[in-house]
C-alpha atoms as a PDB file:
ATOM      1  CA  MET A   1       0.006  -0.431  -0.021  1.00  0.00           C
ATOM      2  CA  LYS A   2       1.209   4.061  -0.986  1.00  0.00           C
ATOM      3  CA  THR A   3       1.621   6.272   1.239  1.00  0.00           C
ATOM      4  CA  TYR A   4       1.815  10.011   0.506  1.00  0.00           C
ATOM      5  CA  SER A   5       3.127  12.914   2.880  1.00  0.00           C
ATOM      6  CA  ILE A   6       1.029  15.297   3.001  1.00  0.00           C
ATOM      7  CA  LEU A   7       1.791  19.190   2.323  1.00  0.00           C
ATOM      8  CA  ILE A   8      -0.443  21.618   3.571  1.00  0.00           C
ATOM      9  CA  SER A   9      -0.660  25.609   1.986  1.00  0.00           C
ATOM     10  CA  PRO A  10      -0.629  28.681   3.633  1.00  0.00           C
ATOM     11  CA  GLU A  11      -4.721  28.871   2.469  1.00  0.00           C
ATOM     12  CA  ALA A  12      -5.575  26.167   3.662  1.00  0.00           C
ATOM     13  CA  LYS A  13      -3.732  26.497   6.841  1.00  0.00           C
ATOM     14  CA  ALA A  14      -5.351  30.510   7.144  1.00  0.00           C
ATOM     15  CA  ASP A  15      -9.035  28.102   6.095  1.00  0.00           C
ATOM     16  CA  VAL A  16      -8.537  26.060   9.240  1.00  0.00           C
ATOM     17  CA  GLU A  17      -8.001  28.817  11.278  1.00  0.00           C
ATOM     18  CA  ASP A  18     -10.512  31.408  10.067  1.00  0.00           C
ATOM     19  CA  PHE A  19     -13.173  28.118  10.220  1.00  0.00           C
ATOM     20  CA  PHE A  20     -11.676  27.274  13.630  1.00  0.00           C
ATOM     21  CA  LYS A  21     -12.335  31.508  14.788  1.00  0.00           C
ATOM     22  CA  HIS A  22     -15.627  31.550  13.519  1.00  0.00           C
ATOM     23  CA  ILE A  23     -16.712  28.581  15.568  1.00  0.00           C
ATOM     24  CA  CYS A  24     -15.194  29.443  18.620  1.00  0.00           C
ATOM     25  CA  PHE A  25     -16.213  33.372  18.022  1.00  0.00           C
ATOM     26  CA  VAL A  26     -19.082  33.266  16.177  1.00  0.00           C
ATOM     27  CA  TYR A  27     -20.856  30.466  18.003  1.00  0.00           C
ATOM     28  CA  LYS A  28     -19.349  30.996  20.688  1.00  0.00           C
ATOM     29  CA  GLN A  29     -18.430  26.997  21.005  1.00  0.00           C
ATOM     30  CA  PRO A  30     -14.608  27.245  21.736  1.00  0.00           C
ATOM     31  CA  LEU A  31     -14.217  23.238  22.557  1.00  0.00           C
ATOM     32  CA  GLN A  32     -16.428  22.560  19.720  1.00  0.00           C
ATOM     33  CA  ALA A  33     -13.760  24.965  17.917  1.00  0.00           C
ATOM     34  CA  VAL A  34     -10.558  22.750  18.401  1.00  0.00           C
ATOM     35  CA  ARG A  35     -12.694  19.367  18.530  1.00  0.00           C
ATOM     36  CA  ASN A  36     -13.691  20.425  14.676  1.00  0.00           C
ATOM     37  CA  ARG A  37      -9.844  21.600  13.996  1.00  0.00           C
ATOM     38  CA  ILE A  38      -8.634  18.049  15.257  1.00  0.00           C
ATOM     39  CA  ASP A  39     -11.217  16.046  13.450  1.00  0.00           C
ATOM     40  CA  LEU A  40     -10.240  18.075  10.206  1.00  0.00           C
ATOM     41  CA  TYR A  41      -6.324  17.669  10.951  1.00  0.00           C
ATOM     42  CA  GLN A  42      -7.344  13.683  11.065  1.00  0.00           C
ATOM     43  CA  ALA A  43      -8.945  14.105   8.427  1.00  0.00           C
ATOM     44  CA  LEU A  44      -6.091  15.723   6.555  1.00  0.00           C
ATOM     45  CA  GLU A  45      -3.885  12.647   7.407  1.00  0.00           C
ATOM     46  CA  GLY A  46      -5.376  10.127   6.541  1.00  0.00           C
ATOM     47  CA  LEU A  47      -5.040  11.067   2.912  1.00  0.00           C
ATOM     48  CA  SER A  48      -2.042  10.095   3.450  1.00  0.00           C
ATOM     49  CA  PHE A  49      -3.275   6.195   2.530  1.00  0.00           C
ATOM     50  CA  TYR A  50      -5.992   6.607   0.078  1.00  0.00           C
ATOM     51  CA  ALA A  51      -5.360  10.107  -2.016  1.00  0.00           C
ATOM     52  CA  ASP A  52      -5.482   8.643  -4.683  1.00  0.00           C
ATOM     53  CA  SER A  53      -8.818   6.410  -4.580  1.00  0.00           C
ATOM     54  CA  ILE A  54     -10.484   9.545  -5.088  1.00  0.00           C
ATOM     55  CA  ALA A  55     -11.465  10.198  -8.393  1.00  0.00           C
ATOM     56  CA  VAL A  56     -10.363  13.704 -10.332  1.00  0.00           C
ATOM     57  CA  SER A  57     -13.314  16.494  -9.509  1.00  0.00           C
ATOM     58  CA  GLN A  58     -16.052  16.967 -12.600  1.00  0.00           C
ATOM     59  CA  SER A  59     -17.125  20.109 -11.308  1.00  0.00           C
ATOM     60  CA  ASN A  60     -15.839  22.867 -13.600  1.00  0.00           C
ATOM     61  CA  TYR A  61     -15.924  25.660 -10.737  1.00  0.00           C
ATOM     62  CA  ILE A  62     -13.111  23.411  -9.234  1.00  0.00           C
ATOM     63  CA  GLN A  63     -11.172  22.651 -12.473  1.00  0.00           C
ATOM     64  CA  SER A  64     -10.547  26.052 -13.321  1.00  0.00           C
ATOM     65  CA  ARG A  65     -10.232  27.487 -10.002  1.00  0.00           C
ATOM     66  CA  PHE A  66      -7.440  24.415  -8.723  1.00  0.00           C
ATOM     67  CA  GLY A  67      -6.081  22.730 -12.369  1.00  0.00           C
ATOM     68  CA  PRO A  68      -7.600  19.847 -13.257  1.00  0.00           C
ATOM     69  CA  ALA A  69      -5.995  16.949 -11.059  1.00  0.00           C
ATOM     70  CA  ALA A  70      -8.334  18.549  -8.346  1.00  0.00           C
ATOM     71  CA  ARG A  71      -9.782  15.896  -5.895  1.00  0.00           C
ATOM     72  CA  CYS A  72     -12.092  17.011  -3.363  1.00  0.00           C
ATOM     73  CA  ILE A  73     -12.944  15.076   0.436  1.00  0.00           C
ATOM     74  CA  ASN A  74     -15.731  16.441   2.418  1.00  0.00           C
ATOM     75  CA  HIS A  75     -15.405  16.507   6.129  1.00  0.00           C
ATOM     76  CA  LYS A  76     -18.688  17.839   8.294  1.00  0.00           C
ATOM     77  CA  LYS A  77     -19.282  21.133   6.501  1.00  0.00           C
ATOM     78  CA  MET A  78     -15.878  21.487   4.917  1.00  0.00           C
ATOM     79  CA  THR A  79     -14.446  20.398   1.613  1.00  0.00           C
ATOM     80  CA  VAL A  80     -10.688  19.977   1.487  1.00  0.00           C
ATOM     81  CA  ILE A  81      -9.814  20.211  -2.024  1.00  0.00           C
ATOM     82  CA  TYR A  82      -6.077  18.772  -3.229  1.00  0.00           C
ATOM     83  CA  VAL A  83      -3.689  17.186  -5.759  1.00  0.00           C
ATOM     84  CA  VAL A  84      -1.681  14.509  -5.565  1.00  0.00           C
ATOM     85  CA  TYR A  85       2.123  14.417  -7.315  1.00  0.00           C
ATOM     86  CA  GLY A  86       3.998  11.579  -7.208  1.00  0.00           C
ATOM     87  CA  ASP A  87       4.025  10.853  -3.514  1.00  0.00           C
ATOM     88  CA  TYR A  88       2.785  14.251  -2.016  1.00  0.00           C
ATOM     89  CA  VAL A  89      -0.945  15.381  -1.703  1.00  0.00           C
ATOM     90  CA  TYR A  90      -0.568  18.801  -1.804  1.00  0.00           C
ATOM     91  CA  VAL A  91      -3.786  20.014   0.466  1.00  0.00           C
ATOM     92  CA  LYS A  92      -4.361  23.255  -1.675  1.00  0.00           C
ATOM     93  CA  ARG A  93      -7.990  24.824   0.165  1.00  0.00           C
ATOM     94  CA  VAL A  94     -10.590  24.037   3.078  1.00  0.00           C
ATOM     95  CA  VAL A  95     -13.375  25.868   2.402  1.00  0.00           C
ATOM     96  CA  HIS A  96     -17.127  25.511   3.407  1.00  0.00           C
ATOM     97  CA  SER A  97     -18.848  22.945   1.106  1.00  0.00           C
ATOM     98  CA  ALA A  98     -21.446  25.825   0.577  1.00  0.00           C
ATOM     99  CA  LEU A  99     -19.190  27.499  -1.659  1.00  0.00           C
ATOM    100  CA  ILE A 100     -18.570  24.954  -4.123  1.00  0.00           C
ATOM    101  CA  HIS A 101     -20.734  25.163  -7.217  1.00  0.00           C
END
């Protein structure tokens, strides 16, 4: 079984932190925010085992913004957009699922 190294872009890290802050300060649920962040990073680490088993996205929106090889997974209300390059999974963005057309 092939395993991949996970690389997270600065934009994706900022997306996760914005999501964390939103839950923490808007919904005033800091404990839930911490749990969601931990769960999300565990989901990202899980990509190291199955990243290539997810099909390339057929969404024109995702392909136009992130390239023709972009793939995505959903985690709770977030969509993780990533690309597989050789032995690496490069996480490009983590966005709210409602923003994906």
